[in-house]
Each structure stands twice: as structure tokens, then as C-alpha cells.
């Protein structure tokens, strides 16, 4: 008979653990959502955008794993999320980047609620951990906004969509990611 180990020494409240697991779900959905978008772009011939989105799918998975590690290391139990309801078809490349911005704004609001919760219960360790995500969300939203600006500046007629697809690949150079300490030296 296998003995179950019960951890009584935990630094996370059960409510914080539940909220972190909800964020894990949202990050997992982000990864699946971007993977689906990448596949659609691949199918439609937007190879640079598909590479960009495959990379972002993996990045979102890493965000989920970062939260997993934190929850488990704080004495909680990170849960593998059940991910459903991911769309597979999109109307256009423009729609994809509109959806990305909407989704990133939703993620930002979720992170902000989580940070506010931690601050209100004086869980400053988790509050500090989440600062990396706060800065990361600023970068994520900025990338999505810059991508949408390409559609306005270049236009979709003629070689416009091809040019936009090429420019999507250059967006990573536009913003600076948070370092391991969570700080940004500068944002363009």
C-alpha cells in the first residue's frame, strides 16, 4: 500500500492556488490557440506568420510551466488543464491578429486580478513572482498592436498580405522581453 504524503506546510492559500491554476488554464489555452492559428497560417501560405505563432505557442506553454513550478514549489498542486473550444478556422490573417490582441487583453486582466488578490492578502512572495507576468503582458499586447498596425500601414491589396506576413517575422526585434529578474531596460 502506497502511503500518501500530506503537505501541511504550504505558503499558498487554497484560494491563491485555485487562482493560479485558473491562470495555468488560461496560459494553456493561449498555447493551444496560437498553435491552431499557426497551423491555419501554415495551410494558407503565411509561412512567416505561422513560424511567429508556432514560437508564441511554445512561449505560452513555457509561461504555463513557469506557473506550474511556482505552485508546486510553494506546496500547492498545479493541475494540467483540460483545454477545449479552440477554433481551427479563421477568416483572414487580419482576424487572427485582432483575436490575438483581444486574447492578450483578457490575459492581462486575469494577471492583474491575480496580482490584486495577492496584494490584498499580503502574499508578497506570489505578488513578486507575478511581476514577471505583468511585464510580459505589456510586451504581448504591444506585439499584437504592432502587428495590427501593419495592416493599416501596408494595406492588404496586391502584395500587401505577403509584405505583412514578412514583417510579422520582424516584430520580435521590436520589443525587449523581461529578463530573468522581470525588469525591462527599455521598451520601444
Protein backbone atom coordinates (compact mmCIF):
# COMPACT_ATOMS: atom_id res chain seq x y z
CA UNK A 1 0.00 0.00 0.00
CA UNK A 2 1.41 3.33 -1.05
CA UNK A 3 1.42 5.96 1.66
CA UNK A 4 0.09 9.38 0.64
CA UNK A 5 2.22 12.32 1.65
CA UNK A 6 0.23 15.21 3.03
CA UNK A 7 1.85 18.62 2.91
CA UNK A 8 0.72 20.75 5.82
CA UNK A 9 3.40 23.36 5.35
CA UNK A 10 2.36 25.43 2.39
CA UNK A 11 2.90 29.05 1.61
CA UNK A 12 -0.07 29.35 -0.77
CA UNK A 13 -3.62 29.74 0.42
CA UNK A 14 -6.05 27.35 -1.22
CA UNK A 15 -7.74 30.32 -2.91
CA UNK A 16 -4.44 31.54 -4.35
CA UNK A 17 -3.63 28.03 -5.55
CA UNK A 18 -7.03 27.84 -7.25
CA UNK A 19 -6.49 31.23 -8.91
CA UNK A 20 -3.01 30.24 -10.08
CA UNK A 21 -4.46 27.04 -11.54
CA UNK A 22 -7.02 29.17 -13.40
CA UNK A 23 -4.11 31.18 -14.82
CA UNK A 24 -2.40 27.92 -15.79
CA UNK A 25 -5.55 27.05 -17.73
CA UNK A 26 -5.53 30.42 -19.48
CA UNK A 27 -1.85 30.10 -20.43
CA UNK A 28 -2.52 26.57 -21.71
CA UNK A 29 -5.42 27.89 -23.79
CA UNK A 30 -3.15 30.61 -25.15
CA UNK A 31 -0.66 27.99 -26.27
CA UNK A 32 -3.35 25.87 -27.93
CA UNK A 33 -4.99 28.92 -29.51
CA UNK A 34 -1.73 30.12 -31.05
CA UNK A 35 -0.88 26.60 -32.21
CA UNK A 36 -4.21 26.42 -34.02
CA UNK A 37 -3.63 29.85 -35.57
CA UNK A 38 -0.13 28.81 -36.64
CA UNK A 39 -1.50 25.74 -38.37
CA UNK A 40 -4.12 27.81 -40.20
CA UNK A 41 -1.43 30.28 -41.33
CA UNK A 42 0.73 27.37 -42.50
CA UNK A 43 -2.18 25.98 -44.52
CA UNK A 44 -2.88 29.39 -46.06
CA UNK A 45 0.74 30.02 -47.05
CA UNK A 46 1.60 32.66 -44.44
CA UNK A 47 4.84 30.93 -43.51
CA UNK A 48 6.42 33.78 -41.53
CA UNK A 49 3.25 34.34 -39.51
CA UNK A 50 2.97 30.60 -38.88
CA UNK A 51 6.56 30.48 -37.59
CA UNK A 52 5.83 33.51 -35.40
CA UNK A 53 2.72 31.83 -33.97
CA UNK A 54 4.36 28.41 -33.50
CA UNK A 55 7.03 30.21 -31.48
CA UNK A 56 4.41 32.08 -29.46
CA UNK A 57 2.52 28.86 -28.80
CA UNK A 58 5.66 27.41 -27.24
CA UNK A 59 6.28 30.63 -25.31
CA UNK A 60 2.78 30.43 -23.80
CA UNK A 61 3.44 26.81 -22.85
CA UNK A 62 6.58 27.97 -21.05
CA UNK A 63 4.50 30.57 -19.18
CA UNK A 64 2.19 27.77 -18.09
CA UNK A 65 5.15 25.68 -16.91
CA UNK A 66 6.59 28.64 -15.00
CA UNK A 67 3.30 28.83 -13.08
CA UNK A 68 3.31 25.03 -12.62
CA UNK A 69 6.73 25.17 -10.99
CA UNK A 70 5.77 28.02 -8.73
CA UNK A 71 2.57 26.38 -7.46
CA UNK A 72 4.25 23.04 -6.79
CA UNK A 73 7.32 24.61 -5.16
CA UNK A 74 5.07 26.63 -2.83
CA UNK A 75 3.44 23.46 -1.53
CA UNK A 76 0.42 23.54 -3.81
CA UNK A 77 -0.68 21.27 -6.62
CA UNK A 78 -0.55 22.56 -10.18
CA UNK A 79 -3.19 20.92 -12.35
CA UNK A 80 -2.89 20.02 -16.02
CA UNK A 81 -5.71 21.99 -17.61
CA UNK A 82 -8.35 20.45 -19.82
CA UNK A 83 -8.34 22.59 -22.93
CA UNK A 84 -11.38 22.65 -25.19
CA UNK A 85 -13.13 25.03 -27.52
CA UNK A 86 -10.11 26.06 -29.59
CA UNK A 87 -11.12 27.31 -33.07
CA UNK A 88 -9.38 25.83 -36.10
CA UNK A 89 -10.64 28.05 -38.92
CA UNK A 90 -10.21 31.77 -39.32
CA UNK A 91 -11.47 34.28 -41.88
CA UNK A 92 -8.20 36.07 -42.51
CA UNK A 93 -4.71 36.86 -41.27
CA UNK A 94 -6.06 40.21 -40.08
CA UNK A 95 -8.72 38.44 -37.98
CA UNK A 96 -6.03 36.30 -36.34
CA UNK A 97 -4.13 39.31 -35.07
CA UNK A 98 -7.34 41.01 -33.93
CA UNK A 99 -8.17 37.87 -31.94
CA UNK A 100 -4.65 37.76 -30.52
CA UNK A 101 -4.94 41.32 -29.20
CA UNK A 102 -8.36 40.58 -27.67
CA UNK A 103 -6.98 37.44 -26.06
CA UNK A 104 -3.86 39.16 -24.71
CA UNK A 105 -6.02 41.89 -23.15
CA UNK A 106 -8.05 39.12 -21.47
CA UNK A 107 -4.84 37.53 -20.15
CA UNK A 108 -3.63 40.92 -18.88
CA UNK A 109 -6.89 41.43 -16.97
CA UNK A 110 -6.56 37.96 -15.47
CA UNK A 111 -2.96 38.59 -14.36
CA UNK A 112 -3.98 41.95 -12.88
CA UNK A 113 -6.79 40.33 -10.87
CA UNK A 114 -4.38 37.70 -9.61
CA UNK A 115 -1.80 40.33 -8.63
CA UNK A 116 -4.50 42.36 -6.89
CA UNK A 117 -5.64 39.27 -4.97
CA UNK A 118 -2.08 38.54 -3.81
CA UNK A 119 -1.55 42.13 -2.74
CA UNK A 120 -4.85 42.22 -0.84
CA UNK A 121 -4.00 39.10 1.19
CA UNK A 122 -0.40 40.24 1.66
CA UNK A 123 1.08 37.27 -0.24
CA UNK A 124 4.07 39.32 -1.32
CA UNK A 125 6.07 36.31 -2.49
CA UNK A 126 3.47 35.42 -5.10
CA UNK A 127 2.92 39.10 -5.80
CA UNK A 128 6.65 39.45 -6.58
CA UNK A 129 6.65 36.27 -8.71
CA UNK A 130 3.77 37.63 -10.79
CA UNK A 131 5.59 40.86 -11.66
CA UNK A 132 7.37 38.99 -14.45
CA UNK A 133 3.95 38.18 -15.95
CA UNK A 134 2.83 41.81 -15.60
CA UNK A 135 5.79 42.95 -17.71
CA UNK A 136 5.40 40.06 -20.13
CA UNK A 137 1.79 41.04 -20.78
CA UNK A 138 2.84 44.55 -21.67
CA UNK A 139 5.13 43.06 -24.31
CA UNK A 140 2.46 40.64 -25.57
CA UNK A 141 -0.12 43.38 -26.05
CA UNK A 142 2.43 45.63 -27.72
CA UNK A 143 3.34 42.89 -30.22
CA UNK A 144 -0.30 42.34 -31.12
CA UNK A 145 -0.91 46.08 -31.55
CA UNK A 146 2.17 46.43 -33.78
CA UNK A 147 1.00 43.51 -35.91
CA UNK A 148 -2.39 45.16 -36.43
CA UNK A 149 -0.70 48.44 -37.32
CA UNK A 150 1.00 46.63 -40.22
CA UNK A 151 -2.41 46.01 -41.78
CA UNK A 152 -3.25 49.72 -41.51
CA UNK A 153 0.11 50.96 -42.79
CA UNK A 154 0.74 48.45 -45.59
CA UNK A 155 -2.80 47.51 -46.58
CA UNK A 156 -3.93 44.10 -47.77
CA UNK A 157 -4.21 44.77 -51.52
CA UNK A 158 -1.75 43.45 -54.09
CA UNK A 159 1.39 42.21 -52.37
CA UNK A 160 0.20 43.75 -49.10
CA UNK A 161 -0.62 40.47 -47.34
CA UNK A 162 2.68 38.95 -48.45
CA UNK A 163 4.53 42.01 -47.15
CA UNK A 164 2.60 41.93 -43.85
CA UNK A 165 3.48 38.25 -43.45
CA UNK A 166 7.16 39.09 -43.94
CA UNK A 167 7.02 42.00 -41.48
CA UNK A 168 5.36 39.84 -38.79
CA UNK A 169 8.65 37.97 -38.50
CA UNK A 170 10.46 41.19 -37.60
CA UNK A 171 8.18 42.08 -34.69
CA UNK A 172 10.22 40.09 -32.18
CA UNK A 173 13.00 42.61 -32.62
CA UNK A 174 10.62 45.45 -31.84
CA UNK A 175 10.21 44.76 -28.13
CA UNK A 176 12.56 43.70 -25.39
CA UNK A 177 11.48 40.77 -23.27
CA UNK A 178 11.60 40.79 -19.50
CA UNK A 179 14.82 39.29 -18.21
CA UNK A 180 15.00 36.63 -15.51
CA UNK A 181 14.53 39.31 -12.86
CA UNK A 182 11.43 40.59 -14.64
CA UNK A 183 12.78 44.03 -15.49
CA UNK A 184 12.74 45.78 -18.83
CA UNK A 185 15.57 48.14 -19.58
CA UNK A 186 13.55 49.85 -22.28
CA UNK A 187 10.51 49.32 -24.39
CA UNK A 188 10.30 50.87 -27.83
